[in-house]
N, C-alpha and C. Protein backbone atom coordinates (compact mmCIF):
# COMPACT_ATOMS: atom_id res chain seq x y z
N MET A 1 19.56 1.30 -37.99
CA MET A 1 17.98 1.04 -38.10
C MET A 1 17.56 0.18 -37.10
N ASP A 2 16.33 0.37 -36.56
CA ASP A 2 15.81 -0.45 -35.45
C ASP A 2 15.44 -1.80 -35.99
N SER A 3 16.18 -2.81 -35.45
CA SER A 3 15.93 -4.19 -35.95
C SER A 3 14.52 -4.73 -35.60
N ARG A 4 13.83 -4.03 -34.58
CA ARG A 4 12.50 -4.53 -34.37
C ARG A 4 11.57 -4.33 -35.42
N SER A 5 11.83 -3.55 -36.43
CA SER A 5 10.78 -3.17 -37.51
C SER A 5 10.76 -4.41 -38.31
N SER A 6 11.62 -5.35 -38.30
CA SER A 6 11.37 -6.50 -39.13
C SER A 6 10.63 -7.54 -38.40
N ASP A 7 10.32 -7.38 -37.14
CA ASP A 7 9.37 -8.29 -36.49
C ASP A 7 8.06 -8.20 -36.85
N THR A 8 7.59 -6.96 -37.49
CA THR A 8 6.27 -6.74 -37.84
C THR A 8 5.85 -7.45 -39.23
N ILE A 9 6.97 -7.86 -39.95
CA ILE A 9 6.72 -8.36 -41.34
C ILE A 9 6.16 -9.70 -41.20
N THR A 10 4.97 -10.08 -41.74
CA THR A 10 4.50 -11.48 -41.66
C THR A 10 4.23 -11.87 -43.10
N GLY A 11 3.91 -13.12 -43.22
CA GLY A 11 3.67 -13.73 -44.49
C GLY A 11 2.33 -13.53 -44.87
N PRO A 12 1.85 -14.11 -46.12
CA PRO A 12 0.52 -13.90 -46.48
C PRO A 12 -0.55 -14.67 -45.55
N ARG A 13 -1.67 -14.25 -45.40
CA ARG A 13 -2.63 -14.85 -44.60
C ARG A 13 -3.05 -16.17 -45.36
N ASN A 14 -3.53 -17.19 -44.70
CA ASN A 14 -3.95 -18.32 -45.19
C ASN A 14 -4.97 -18.18 -46.40
N GLU A 15 -5.95 -17.28 -46.16
CA GLU A 15 -7.07 -17.06 -47.07
C GLU A 15 -6.49 -16.40 -48.39
N ASP A 16 -5.42 -15.73 -48.29
CA ASP A 16 -4.73 -15.00 -49.39
C ASP A 16 -4.08 -15.86 -50.41
N VAL A 17 -3.58 -17.10 -49.88
CA VAL A 17 -2.87 -17.91 -50.83
C VAL A 17 -3.55 -18.52 -51.80
N LEU A 18 -3.08 -18.54 -53.07
CA LEU A 18 -3.79 -19.07 -54.24
C LEU A 18 -3.82 -20.62 -53.99
N PRO A 19 -5.21 -21.17 -54.21
CA PRO A 19 -5.32 -22.52 -54.15
C PRO A 19 -4.31 -23.38 -55.07
N THR A 20 -3.86 -24.49 -54.47
CA THR A 20 -2.79 -25.27 -55.05
C THR A 20 -3.33 -25.95 -56.38
N THR A 21 -4.71 -26.08 -56.34
CA THR A 21 -5.41 -26.76 -57.56
C THR A 21 -5.61 -25.85 -58.76
N ALA A 22 -5.33 -24.59 -58.41
CA ALA A 22 -5.59 -23.54 -59.58
C ALA A 22 -4.55 -23.82 -60.71
N THR A 23 -5.14 -23.83 -61.89
CA THR A 23 -4.26 -24.13 -63.15
C THR A 23 -4.52 -22.97 -64.18
N SER A 24 -5.47 -22.09 -63.99
CA SER A 24 -5.79 -21.10 -64.97
C SER A 24 -6.19 -19.80 -64.24
N ALA A 25 -5.62 -18.71 -64.67
CA ALA A 25 -6.00 -17.37 -64.06
C ALA A 25 -6.44 -16.47 -65.14
N VAL A 26 -7.51 -15.74 -65.04
CA VAL A 26 -8.00 -14.74 -65.88
C VAL A 26 -8.21 -13.50 -65.31
N LYS A 27 -7.84 -12.35 -66.02
CA LYS A 27 -7.89 -11.02 -65.69
C LYS A 27 -9.24 -10.48 -66.22
N VAL A 28 -10.10 -10.00 -65.22
CA VAL A 28 -11.33 -9.39 -65.74
C VAL A 28 -11.50 -7.92 -65.17
N VAL A 29 -11.96 -7.00 -65.94
CA VAL A 29 -12.01 -5.66 -65.52
C VAL A 29 -13.52 -5.33 -65.16
N ILE A 30 -13.65 -4.63 -64.17
CA ILE A 30 -15.01 -4.08 -63.79
C ILE A 30 -15.07 -2.63 -64.07
N VAL A 31 -15.93 -2.19 -65.02
CA VAL A 31 -15.84 -0.70 -65.44
C VAL A 31 -17.24 -0.16 -65.22
N GLY A 32 -17.32 1.08 -65.37
CA GLY A 32 -18.57 1.87 -65.33
C GLY A 32 -18.35 3.24 -64.98
N GLY A 33 -19.42 4.08 -65.01
CA GLY A 33 -19.28 5.50 -64.66
C GLY A 33 -19.07 5.68 -63.21
N PHE A 34 -18.95 6.91 -62.79
CA PHE A 34 -18.69 7.48 -61.44
C PHE A 34 -19.93 6.92 -60.52
N GLY A 35 -19.62 6.19 -59.52
CA GLY A 35 -20.60 5.84 -58.59
C GLY A 35 -21.52 4.72 -58.86
N VAL A 36 -21.22 3.87 -59.78
CA VAL A 36 -22.15 2.82 -60.20
C VAL A 36 -22.07 1.53 -59.36
N GLY A 37 -20.95 1.34 -58.50
CA GLY A 37 -20.87 0.24 -57.62
C GLY A 37 -19.57 -0.60 -57.93
N LYS A 38 -18.66 -0.14 -58.60
CA LYS A 38 -17.44 -0.99 -58.90
C LYS A 38 -16.73 -1.48 -57.74
N THR A 39 -16.37 -0.47 -56.80
CA THR A 39 -15.71 -0.89 -55.62
C THR A 39 -16.55 -1.87 -54.69
N THR A 40 -17.84 -1.63 -54.66
CA THR A 40 -18.65 -2.48 -54.01
C THR A 40 -18.66 -3.92 -54.49
N MET A 41 -18.85 -4.01 -55.85
CA MET A 41 -18.89 -5.39 -56.44
C MET A 41 -17.51 -6.15 -56.23
N VAL A 42 -16.33 -5.48 -56.41
CA VAL A 42 -15.14 -6.17 -56.12
C VAL A 42 -15.07 -6.64 -54.63
N GLY A 43 -15.44 -5.62 -53.72
CA GLY A 43 -15.38 -6.03 -52.29
C GLY A 43 -16.26 -7.15 -51.94
N SER A 44 -17.42 -7.19 -52.56
CA SER A 44 -18.51 -8.16 -52.14
C SER A 44 -18.15 -9.63 -52.50
N VAL A 45 -17.41 -9.66 -53.61
CA VAL A 45 -17.23 -10.96 -54.22
C VAL A 45 -15.78 -11.53 -54.07
N SER A 46 -15.01 -10.57 -53.66
CA SER A 46 -13.47 -11.10 -53.46
C SER A 46 -13.34 -12.03 -52.34
N GLU A 47 -12.60 -13.22 -52.52
CA GLU A 47 -12.30 -14.15 -51.52
C GLU A 47 -11.04 -13.75 -50.64
N ILE A 48 -10.37 -12.77 -51.13
CA ILE A 48 -9.31 -12.04 -50.38
C ILE A 48 -9.66 -10.74 -49.90
N ARG A 49 -8.91 -10.18 -48.94
CA ARG A 49 -9.25 -8.77 -48.59
C ARG A 49 -8.83 -7.95 -49.74
N PRO A 50 -9.92 -7.12 -50.28
CA PRO A 50 -9.53 -6.48 -51.47
C PRO A 50 -8.71 -5.28 -51.26
N LEU A 51 -7.97 -5.00 -52.29
CA LEU A 51 -7.16 -3.73 -52.35
C LEU A 51 -7.92 -2.61 -53.07
N THR A 52 -8.04 -1.56 -52.25
CA THR A 52 -8.86 -0.47 -52.84
C THR A 52 -7.93 0.86 -52.80
N THR A 53 -8.18 1.82 -53.64
CA THR A 53 -7.37 2.94 -53.56
C THR A 53 -8.42 4.25 -53.47
N GLU A 54 -9.44 3.97 -52.64
CA GLU A 54 -10.40 5.05 -52.35
C GLU A 54 -9.89 6.21 -51.60
N GLU A 55 -10.26 7.45 -52.09
CA GLU A 55 -9.82 8.75 -51.36
C GLU A 55 -10.94 9.41 -51.02
N THR A 56 -10.95 10.32 -50.05
CA THR A 56 -12.07 11.14 -49.66
C THR A 56 -12.13 12.24 -50.75
N MET A 57 -13.47 12.44 -51.12
CA MET A 57 -13.68 13.48 -52.21
C MET A 57 -13.54 14.75 -51.49
N THR A 58 -12.91 15.70 -52.19
CA THR A 58 -12.67 17.09 -51.87
C THR A 58 -13.30 18.22 -52.60
N GLN A 59 -13.22 19.36 -52.17
CA GLN A 59 -13.60 20.55 -52.97
C GLN A 59 -13.01 20.70 -54.35
N ALA A 60 -11.93 20.07 -54.48
CA ALA A 60 -11.11 20.04 -55.86
C ALA A 60 -11.95 19.50 -56.96
N GLY A 61 -12.76 18.49 -56.58
CA GLY A 61 -13.52 17.72 -57.67
C GLY A 61 -14.78 18.52 -58.04
N ILE A 62 -15.17 19.62 -57.40
CA ILE A 62 -16.35 20.34 -57.74
C ILE A 62 -16.23 21.03 -59.11
N GLY A 63 -17.11 20.74 -60.03
CA GLY A 63 -17.06 21.46 -61.33
C GLY A 63 -16.06 20.54 -62.31
N VAL A 64 -15.48 19.50 -61.78
CA VAL A 64 -14.68 18.57 -62.53
C VAL A 64 -15.33 17.23 -62.71
N ASP A 65 -15.81 16.66 -61.52
CA ASP A 65 -16.39 15.29 -61.50
C ASP A 65 -17.86 15.57 -61.41
N ASP A 66 -18.61 14.90 -62.36
CA ASP A 66 -20.07 14.86 -62.35
C ASP A 66 -20.66 13.88 -61.43
N ASN A 67 -21.09 14.50 -60.22
CA ASN A 67 -21.63 13.50 -59.20
C ASN A 67 -23.07 13.71 -59.21
N SER A 68 -23.79 14.20 -60.12
CA SER A 68 -25.28 14.28 -60.23
C SER A 68 -25.70 12.90 -60.09
N GLY A 69 -26.78 12.82 -59.14
CA GLY A 69 -27.41 11.55 -58.78
C GLY A 69 -26.65 10.68 -57.75
N VAL A 70 -25.45 11.09 -57.36
CA VAL A 70 -24.76 10.41 -56.24
C VAL A 70 -24.07 11.52 -55.27
N GLU A 71 -24.88 12.48 -55.02
CA GLU A 71 -24.34 13.70 -54.34
C GLU A 71 -23.79 13.31 -52.90
N THR A 72 -24.45 12.14 -52.38
CA THR A 72 -24.03 11.73 -50.96
C THR A 72 -22.70 10.85 -51.01
N LYS A 73 -22.11 10.60 -52.15
CA LYS A 73 -20.97 9.83 -52.21
C LYS A 73 -19.78 10.69 -51.64
N THR A 74 -19.04 10.05 -50.78
CA THR A 74 -18.01 10.75 -49.97
C THR A 74 -16.48 10.26 -50.38
N ALA A 75 -16.39 9.14 -50.97
CA ALA A 75 -15.12 8.64 -51.43
C ALA A 75 -15.07 8.15 -52.84
N THR A 76 -13.91 8.15 -53.45
CA THR A 76 -13.86 7.72 -54.84
C THR A 76 -12.57 6.82 -55.11
N THR A 77 -12.70 5.99 -56.00
CA THR A 77 -11.55 5.37 -56.51
C THR A 77 -10.56 6.11 -57.32
N VAL A 78 -9.24 6.30 -57.01
CA VAL A 78 -8.36 7.02 -57.85
C VAL A 78 -7.42 6.39 -58.73
N ALA A 79 -7.31 5.02 -58.50
CA ALA A 79 -6.39 4.31 -59.19
C ALA A 79 -7.13 2.89 -59.69
N MET A 80 -7.33 2.01 -58.76
CA MET A 80 -7.98 0.84 -59.12
C MET A 80 -8.44 0.01 -57.90
N ASP A 81 -9.26 -0.93 -58.00
CA ASP A 81 -9.64 -1.85 -56.92
C ASP A 81 -9.15 -3.14 -57.39
N PHE A 82 -8.71 -4.06 -56.47
CA PHE A 82 -8.37 -5.43 -56.86
C PHE A 82 -8.82 -6.51 -55.97
N GLY A 83 -9.28 -7.69 -56.62
CA GLY A 83 -9.79 -8.74 -55.79
C GLY A 83 -9.62 -9.98 -56.47
N ARG A 84 -9.83 -11.01 -55.83
CA ARG A 84 -9.78 -12.31 -56.51
C ARG A 84 -10.88 -13.34 -56.09
N ILE A 85 -11.38 -14.14 -57.00
CA ILE A 85 -12.40 -15.16 -56.80
C ILE A 85 -12.08 -16.43 -57.51
N SER A 86 -12.29 -17.58 -56.85
CA SER A 86 -12.05 -18.82 -57.54
C SER A 86 -13.39 -19.31 -58.07
N ILE A 87 -13.60 -19.36 -59.42
CA ILE A 87 -14.84 -19.83 -59.94
C ILE A 87 -14.95 -21.38 -59.89
N SER A 88 -13.71 -22.05 -59.89
CA SER A 88 -13.72 -23.37 -59.61
C SER A 88 -12.51 -23.79 -59.06
N GLU A 89 -12.30 -25.02 -58.79
CA GLU A 89 -10.95 -25.43 -58.19
C GLU A 89 -9.81 -25.12 -59.11
N GLN A 90 -10.04 -25.02 -60.36
CA GLN A 90 -9.05 -24.80 -61.27
C GLN A 90 -8.93 -23.31 -61.73
N LEU A 91 -10.05 -22.69 -61.82
CA LEU A 91 -10.14 -21.37 -62.52
C LEU A 91 -10.21 -20.27 -61.46
N VAL A 92 -9.28 -19.21 -61.57
CA VAL A 92 -9.24 -18.13 -60.72
C VAL A 92 -9.41 -16.89 -61.61
N LEU A 93 -10.28 -16.01 -61.15
CA LEU A 93 -10.51 -14.63 -61.68
C LEU A 93 -9.65 -13.55 -60.86
N TYR A 94 -8.92 -12.74 -61.55
CA TYR A 94 -8.35 -11.53 -60.87
C TYR A 94 -9.21 -10.44 -61.35
N LEU A 95 -9.73 -9.66 -60.45
CA LEU A 95 -10.67 -8.60 -60.62
C LEU A 95 -10.01 -7.27 -60.63
N PHE A 96 -10.24 -6.39 -61.51
CA PHE A 96 -9.57 -4.95 -61.46
C PHE A 96 -10.68 -4.04 -61.69
N GLY A 97 -11.10 -3.17 -60.72
CA GLY A 97 -12.05 -2.29 -60.84
C GLY A 97 -11.50 -0.80 -61.17
N THR A 98 -12.11 -0.16 -62.18
CA THR A 98 -11.42 1.01 -62.69
C THR A 98 -12.00 2.19 -62.06
N PRO A 99 -11.35 3.32 -62.03
CA PRO A 99 -11.89 4.58 -61.52
C PRO A 99 -12.92 5.09 -62.53
N GLY A 100 -14.02 5.61 -61.95
CA GLY A 100 -15.18 6.14 -62.85
C GLY A 100 -14.94 7.48 -63.37
N GLN A 101 -14.20 8.39 -62.74
CA GLN A 101 -14.23 9.79 -63.18
C GLN A 101 -13.46 9.86 -64.47
N GLU A 102 -14.08 10.71 -65.46
CA GLU A 102 -13.24 10.75 -66.68
C GLU A 102 -11.89 11.14 -66.67
N ARG A 103 -11.47 11.96 -65.63
CA ARG A 103 -10.11 12.53 -65.49
C ARG A 103 -9.25 11.37 -65.18
N PHE A 104 -9.67 10.29 -64.64
CA PHE A 104 -8.83 9.10 -64.37
C PHE A 104 -8.80 7.96 -65.39
N TRP A 105 -9.57 8.25 -66.53
CA TRP A 105 -9.66 7.22 -67.57
C TRP A 105 -8.34 6.91 -68.29
N PHE A 106 -7.33 7.83 -68.11
CA PHE A 106 -5.91 7.53 -68.70
C PHE A 106 -5.41 6.20 -68.14
N LEU A 107 -5.92 5.93 -66.93
CA LEU A 107 -5.37 4.56 -66.21
C LEU A 107 -6.02 3.37 -66.87
N TRP A 108 -7.05 3.49 -67.56
CA TRP A 108 -7.79 2.26 -68.13
C TRP A 108 -6.89 1.57 -69.01
N ASN A 109 -6.06 2.24 -69.89
CA ASN A 109 -5.24 1.53 -70.92
C ASN A 109 -4.47 0.40 -70.21
N GLY A 110 -3.79 0.80 -69.04
CA GLY A 110 -2.91 -0.24 -68.32
C GLY A 110 -3.86 -1.39 -67.71
N LEU A 111 -5.07 -0.98 -67.07
CA LEU A 111 -5.88 -1.93 -66.56
C LEU A 111 -6.48 -2.86 -67.55
N PHE A 112 -6.68 -2.51 -68.77
CA PHE A 112 -7.21 -3.35 -69.80
C PHE A 112 -6.21 -4.28 -70.46
N GLU A 113 -4.99 -3.93 -70.27
CA GLU A 113 -3.84 -4.81 -70.82
C GLU A 113 -4.01 -6.33 -70.23
N GLY A 114 -4.17 -7.26 -71.28
CA GLY A 114 -4.20 -8.62 -70.89
C GLY A 114 -5.62 -9.08 -70.35
N ALA A 115 -6.63 -8.20 -70.15
CA ALA A 115 -7.89 -8.65 -69.78
C ALA A 115 -8.56 -9.42 -70.80
N LEU A 116 -9.26 -10.57 -70.32
CA LEU A 116 -9.99 -11.33 -71.14
C LEU A 116 -11.34 -10.85 -71.41
N GLY A 117 -11.95 -10.14 -70.43
CA GLY A 117 -13.18 -9.61 -70.66
C GLY A 117 -13.46 -8.55 -69.63
N ALA A 118 -14.81 -7.99 -69.64
CA ALA A 118 -15.22 -6.96 -68.71
C ALA A 118 -16.66 -6.93 -68.29
N VAL A 119 -16.86 -6.38 -67.18
CA VAL A 119 -18.31 -6.20 -66.68
C VAL A 119 -18.53 -4.74 -66.76
N VAL A 120 -19.58 -4.31 -67.39
CA VAL A 120 -19.93 -2.88 -67.35
C VAL A 120 -21.04 -2.78 -66.41
N LEU A 121 -20.89 -2.10 -65.34
CA LEU A 121 -21.91 -1.86 -64.13
C LEU A 121 -22.74 -0.61 -64.68
N VAL A 122 -24.07 -0.74 -64.62
CA VAL A 122 -24.87 0.32 -65.11
C VAL A 122 -25.71 0.76 -63.93
N ASP A 123 -26.09 2.16 -63.83
CA ASP A 123 -27.09 2.70 -62.90
C ASP A 123 -28.17 3.20 -63.69
N THR A 124 -29.36 2.73 -63.59
CA THR A 124 -30.53 3.32 -64.35
C THR A 124 -30.91 4.76 -64.11
N ARG A 125 -30.43 5.32 -63.00
CA ARG A 125 -30.67 6.69 -62.77
C ARG A 125 -29.69 7.58 -63.59
N ARG A 126 -28.79 6.95 -64.08
CA ARG A 126 -27.68 7.82 -64.84
C ARG A 126 -27.24 6.85 -66.18
N LEU A 127 -28.09 6.50 -66.85
CA LEU A 127 -27.62 5.73 -67.99
C LEU A 127 -26.63 6.26 -68.93
N GLU A 128 -26.70 7.74 -69.04
CA GLU A 128 -25.73 8.34 -69.89
C GLU A 128 -24.31 8.31 -69.59
N VAL A 129 -23.90 7.96 -68.31
CA VAL A 129 -22.55 7.73 -67.96
C VAL A 129 -21.96 6.47 -68.56
N SER A 130 -22.95 5.61 -68.98
CA SER A 130 -22.32 4.28 -69.46
C SER A 130 -22.01 4.34 -71.08
N PHE A 131 -22.55 5.30 -71.77
CA PHE A 131 -22.28 5.25 -73.26
C PHE A 131 -20.76 5.35 -73.58
N ASP A 132 -19.94 6.27 -72.99
CA ASP A 132 -18.60 6.37 -73.31
C ASP A 132 -17.88 5.09 -72.86
N VAL A 133 -18.24 4.56 -71.73
CA VAL A 133 -17.68 3.43 -71.21
C VAL A 133 -17.80 2.13 -72.11
N ILE A 134 -19.00 1.91 -72.68
CA ILE A 134 -19.19 0.91 -73.62
C ILE A 134 -18.54 1.15 -74.96
N GLY A 135 -18.45 2.41 -75.37
CA GLY A 135 -17.81 2.78 -76.50
C GLY A 135 -16.40 2.44 -76.42
N ARG A 136 -15.69 2.65 -75.40
CA ARG A 136 -14.21 2.46 -75.12
C ARG A 136 -14.02 0.94 -75.26
N LEU A 137 -14.83 0.12 -74.68
CA LEU A 137 -14.76 -1.39 -74.82
C LEU A 137 -14.85 -1.75 -76.22
N GLU A 138 -15.95 -1.18 -76.79
CA GLU A 138 -16.06 -1.68 -78.24
C GLU A 138 -14.81 -1.27 -79.16
N GLU A 139 -14.23 -0.07 -78.90
CA GLU A 139 -13.11 0.28 -79.73
C GLU A 139 -11.93 -0.63 -79.55
N ARG A 140 -11.78 -1.05 -78.19
CA ARG A 140 -10.68 -1.90 -77.96
C ARG A 140 -10.99 -3.39 -78.27
N GLY A 141 -12.14 -3.74 -78.54
CA GLY A 141 -12.46 -5.18 -78.86
C GLY A 141 -12.43 -5.93 -77.79
N VAL A 142 -12.71 -5.38 -76.36
CA VAL A 142 -12.89 -6.25 -75.25
C VAL A 142 -14.20 -6.73 -75.10
N PRO A 143 -14.45 -8.09 -75.08
CA PRO A 143 -15.70 -8.67 -74.83
C PRO A 143 -16.20 -8.27 -73.45
N PHE A 144 -17.69 -7.95 -73.47
CA PHE A 144 -18.12 -7.54 -71.95
C PHE A 144 -19.58 -7.93 -71.98
N VAL A 145 -20.00 -8.01 -70.67
CA VAL A 145 -21.46 -8.14 -70.29
C VAL A 145 -21.94 -6.90 -69.56
N VAL A 146 -23.07 -6.63 -69.53
CA VAL A 146 -23.78 -5.43 -68.75
C VAL A 146 -24.49 -6.01 -67.63
N ALA A 147 -24.28 -5.38 -66.50
CA ALA A 147 -24.90 -5.78 -65.20
C ALA A 147 -25.62 -4.34 -64.79
N VAL A 148 -26.92 -4.51 -64.60
CA VAL A 148 -27.74 -3.35 -64.09
C VAL A 148 -27.71 -3.39 -62.54
N ASN A 149 -27.02 -2.60 -61.93
CA ASN A 149 -26.90 -2.55 -60.58
C ASN A 149 -28.33 -1.98 -59.95
N THR A 150 -28.73 -2.70 -58.93
CA THR A 150 -29.95 -2.37 -58.30
C THR A 150 -29.73 -1.31 -57.11
N PHE A 151 -30.23 -0.13 -57.29
CA PHE A 151 -30.31 0.96 -56.10
C PHE A 151 -31.55 1.12 -55.62
N PRO A 152 -31.77 1.27 -54.34
CA PRO A 152 -33.19 1.40 -53.85
C PRO A 152 -34.03 2.46 -54.31
N ASP A 153 -33.46 3.48 -54.80
CA ASP A 153 -34.27 4.62 -55.47
C ASP A 153 -34.19 4.70 -57.03
N ALA A 154 -33.58 3.69 -57.57
CA ALA A 154 -33.47 3.77 -59.06
C ALA A 154 -34.72 3.16 -59.80
N PRO A 155 -35.04 3.88 -60.92
CA PRO A 155 -36.26 3.41 -61.61
C PRO A 155 -35.92 1.95 -62.21
N SER A 156 -36.99 1.16 -62.29
CA SER A 156 -36.89 -0.08 -62.84
C SER A 156 -37.59 -0.24 -64.26
N HIS A 157 -36.62 -0.79 -65.09
CA HIS A 157 -36.96 -0.87 -66.58
C HIS A 157 -36.72 -2.34 -67.02
N PRO A 158 -37.51 -2.74 -67.96
CA PRO A 158 -37.35 -4.10 -68.56
C PRO A 158 -35.94 -4.08 -69.08
N VAL A 159 -35.22 -5.20 -69.05
CA VAL A 159 -33.93 -5.44 -69.64
C VAL A 159 -33.97 -5.10 -71.08
N GLU A 160 -34.92 -5.45 -71.73
CA GLU A 160 -34.93 -5.26 -73.18
C GLU A 160 -34.95 -3.66 -73.53
N ALA A 161 -35.66 -2.98 -72.76
CA ALA A 161 -35.79 -1.49 -72.84
C ALA A 161 -34.36 -0.97 -72.63
N LEU A 162 -33.69 -1.47 -71.49
CA LEU A 162 -32.43 -0.93 -71.34
C LEU A 162 -31.46 -1.18 -72.47
N ARG A 163 -31.61 -2.43 -73.07
CA ARG A 163 -30.71 -2.86 -74.09
C ARG A 163 -30.82 -1.80 -75.39
N VAL A 164 -32.13 -1.51 -75.61
CA VAL A 164 -32.39 -0.48 -76.73
C VAL A 164 -31.70 0.92 -76.38
N ALA A 165 -31.82 1.32 -75.12
CA ALA A 165 -31.42 2.55 -74.68
C ALA A 165 -29.98 2.71 -74.66
N LEU A 166 -29.30 1.64 -74.45
CA LEU A 166 -27.87 1.58 -74.49
C LEU A 166 -27.24 1.17 -75.92
N ASP A 167 -28.23 0.85 -76.78
CA ASP A 167 -27.87 0.38 -78.17
C ASP A 167 -26.90 -0.93 -78.20
N LEU A 168 -27.25 -1.74 -77.27
CA LEU A 168 -26.42 -3.02 -77.32
C LEU A 168 -26.83 -4.06 -78.24
N PRO A 169 -25.93 -4.68 -78.87
CA PRO A 169 -26.18 -5.80 -79.78
C PRO A 169 -26.83 -7.01 -79.08
N ASP A 170 -27.66 -7.70 -79.67
CA ASP A 170 -28.54 -8.81 -79.03
C ASP A 170 -27.49 -9.81 -78.33
N GLU A 171 -26.34 -10.07 -79.02
CA GLU A 171 -25.56 -11.08 -78.45
C GLU A 171 -24.84 -10.81 -77.14
N VAL A 172 -24.72 -9.45 -76.70
CA VAL A 172 -24.30 -9.09 -75.47
C VAL A 172 -25.17 -9.34 -74.33
N PRO A 173 -24.55 -10.22 -73.40
CA PRO A 173 -25.52 -10.57 -72.28
C PRO A 173 -25.73 -9.28 -71.30
N MET A 174 -26.96 -9.23 -70.77
CA MET A 174 -27.44 -8.19 -70.04
C MET A 174 -28.22 -8.70 -68.82
N VAL A 175 -27.74 -8.47 -67.48
CA VAL A 175 -28.45 -9.00 -66.40
C VAL A 175 -28.66 -8.03 -65.46
N ASN A 176 -29.64 -8.24 -64.44
CA ASN A 176 -29.86 -7.36 -63.32
C ASN A 176 -28.90 -7.94 -62.16
N CYS A 177 -28.47 -7.11 -61.25
CA CYS A 177 -27.67 -7.58 -60.10
C CYS A 177 -27.71 -6.69 -58.87
N ASP A 178 -27.25 -7.05 -57.77
CA ASP A 178 -27.02 -6.18 -56.69
C ASP A 178 -25.60 -6.37 -56.17
N ALA A 179 -24.81 -5.43 -56.46
CA ALA A 179 -23.41 -5.40 -56.38
C ALA A 179 -23.05 -5.59 -54.80
N ARG A 180 -23.85 -5.36 -53.91
CA ARG A 180 -23.65 -5.62 -52.46
C ARG A 180 -23.56 -7.00 -52.16
N LEU A 181 -24.23 -7.93 -52.90
CA LEU A 181 -24.46 -9.30 -52.58
C LEU A 181 -23.41 -10.11 -53.28
N ARG A 182 -22.66 -10.97 -52.55
CA ARG A 182 -21.64 -11.80 -53.07
C ARG A 182 -22.28 -12.83 -54.20
N ALA A 183 -23.41 -13.44 -53.85
CA ALA A 183 -23.91 -14.32 -54.89
C ALA A 183 -24.30 -13.74 -56.06
N SER A 184 -24.96 -12.47 -55.91
CA SER A 184 -25.32 -11.64 -57.20
C SER A 184 -24.13 -11.35 -58.14
N SER A 185 -23.11 -10.92 -57.42
CA SER A 185 -21.77 -10.38 -58.17
C SER A 185 -21.18 -11.58 -58.80
N ARG A 186 -21.21 -12.75 -58.02
CA ARG A 186 -20.66 -14.00 -58.55
C ARG A 186 -21.40 -14.36 -59.75
N ASP A 187 -22.66 -14.33 -59.79
CA ASP A 187 -23.59 -14.80 -60.94
C ASP A 187 -23.16 -13.78 -62.07
N VAL A 188 -22.90 -12.61 -61.91
CA VAL A 188 -22.52 -11.77 -63.09
C VAL A 188 -21.18 -12.24 -63.69
N LEU A 189 -20.22 -12.54 -62.84
CA LEU A 189 -18.97 -13.12 -63.26
C LEU A 189 -19.15 -14.34 -64.06
N LEU A 190 -19.97 -15.22 -63.64
CA LEU A 190 -20.34 -16.56 -64.27
C LEU A 190 -20.84 -16.36 -65.69
N THR A 191 -21.74 -15.19 -65.69
CA THR A 191 -22.38 -14.97 -67.06
C THR A 191 -21.29 -14.48 -67.99
N LEU A 192 -20.27 -13.72 -67.51
CA LEU A 192 -19.20 -13.26 -68.30
C LEU A 192 -18.36 -14.47 -68.81
N MET A 193 -18.05 -15.49 -67.95
CA MET A 193 -17.38 -16.67 -68.18
C MET A 193 -18.01 -17.45 -69.32
N ARG A 194 -19.39 -17.65 -69.17
CA ARG A 194 -20.18 -18.25 -70.23
C ARG A 194 -20.14 -17.63 -71.48
N TYR A 195 -20.20 -16.28 -71.51
CA TYR A 195 -20.21 -15.51 -72.79
C TYR A 195 -18.69 -15.70 -73.40
N LEU A 196 -17.77 -15.55 -72.68
CA LEU A 196 -16.37 -15.79 -73.21
C LEU A 196 -16.18 -17.11 -73.85
N HIS A 197 -16.77 -18.10 -73.09
CA HIS A 197 -16.64 -19.54 -73.64
C HIS A 197 -17.40 -19.65 -74.91
N SER A 198 -18.55 -18.98 -74.98
CA SER A 198 -19.37 -19.12 -76.33
C SER A 198 -18.56 -18.45 -77.35
N LEU A 199 -17.93 -17.39 -77.16
CA LEU A 199 -17.16 -16.68 -78.24
C LEU A 199 -16.06 -17.46 -78.75
N ALA A 200 -15.36 -18.37 -77.77
CA ALA A 200 -14.18 -19.29 -78.16
C ALA A 200 -14.66 -20.48 -78.88
N LEU A 201 -15.97 -20.74 -78.86
CA LEU A 201 -16.39 -22.03 -79.73
C LEU A 201 -16.25 -21.92 -81.14
N PRO A 202 -15.97 -22.75 -81.89
CA PRO A 202 -15.94 -22.67 -83.34
C PRO A 202 -17.24 -22.13 -83.96
N ALA A 203 -17.23 -21.38 -85.01
CA ALA A 203 -18.57 -20.80 -85.54
C ALA A 203 -19.20 -22.00 -86.26
């Protein structure tokens, strides 16, 4: 074997190293239907270079994946996205983005394992793709918040009207966001952390 191949192996980049002050790590899952912005959110907020498993969409998906409303989408997640963000000097969130197509939902069971909570991304142009996603979280008993992702051509509705349309309980937080913006995505995660904290308080 060519010994030169070992010369290319390097250690982690400085920005990838976990802060020495970190004392707690939490797994959070970013879920939603096909094309709602999960990969975008993980990529925008992650403090490390995110791991993505995006593949170019091919003719094989025609008639299988429902891409109505996102016809211009050319790539899709086939396994998961992964990123990390430090909420404070002590608390680190590990982010796992799920694939949106129903044919890849069998991967969700493993991604949900050990997750403390979830963010459900919603696209107002295609609210119907969120129903099954929310139902699966409720069945598994995973606490979640709903983030309405802003798309330029998406209709705007009051949050309360969307809450009724999605049949969400009053206690589940629902916020607007722009998954492309780090600050907006971070605020969604902070909303989830506050919600999880409230659930942990004594009744």
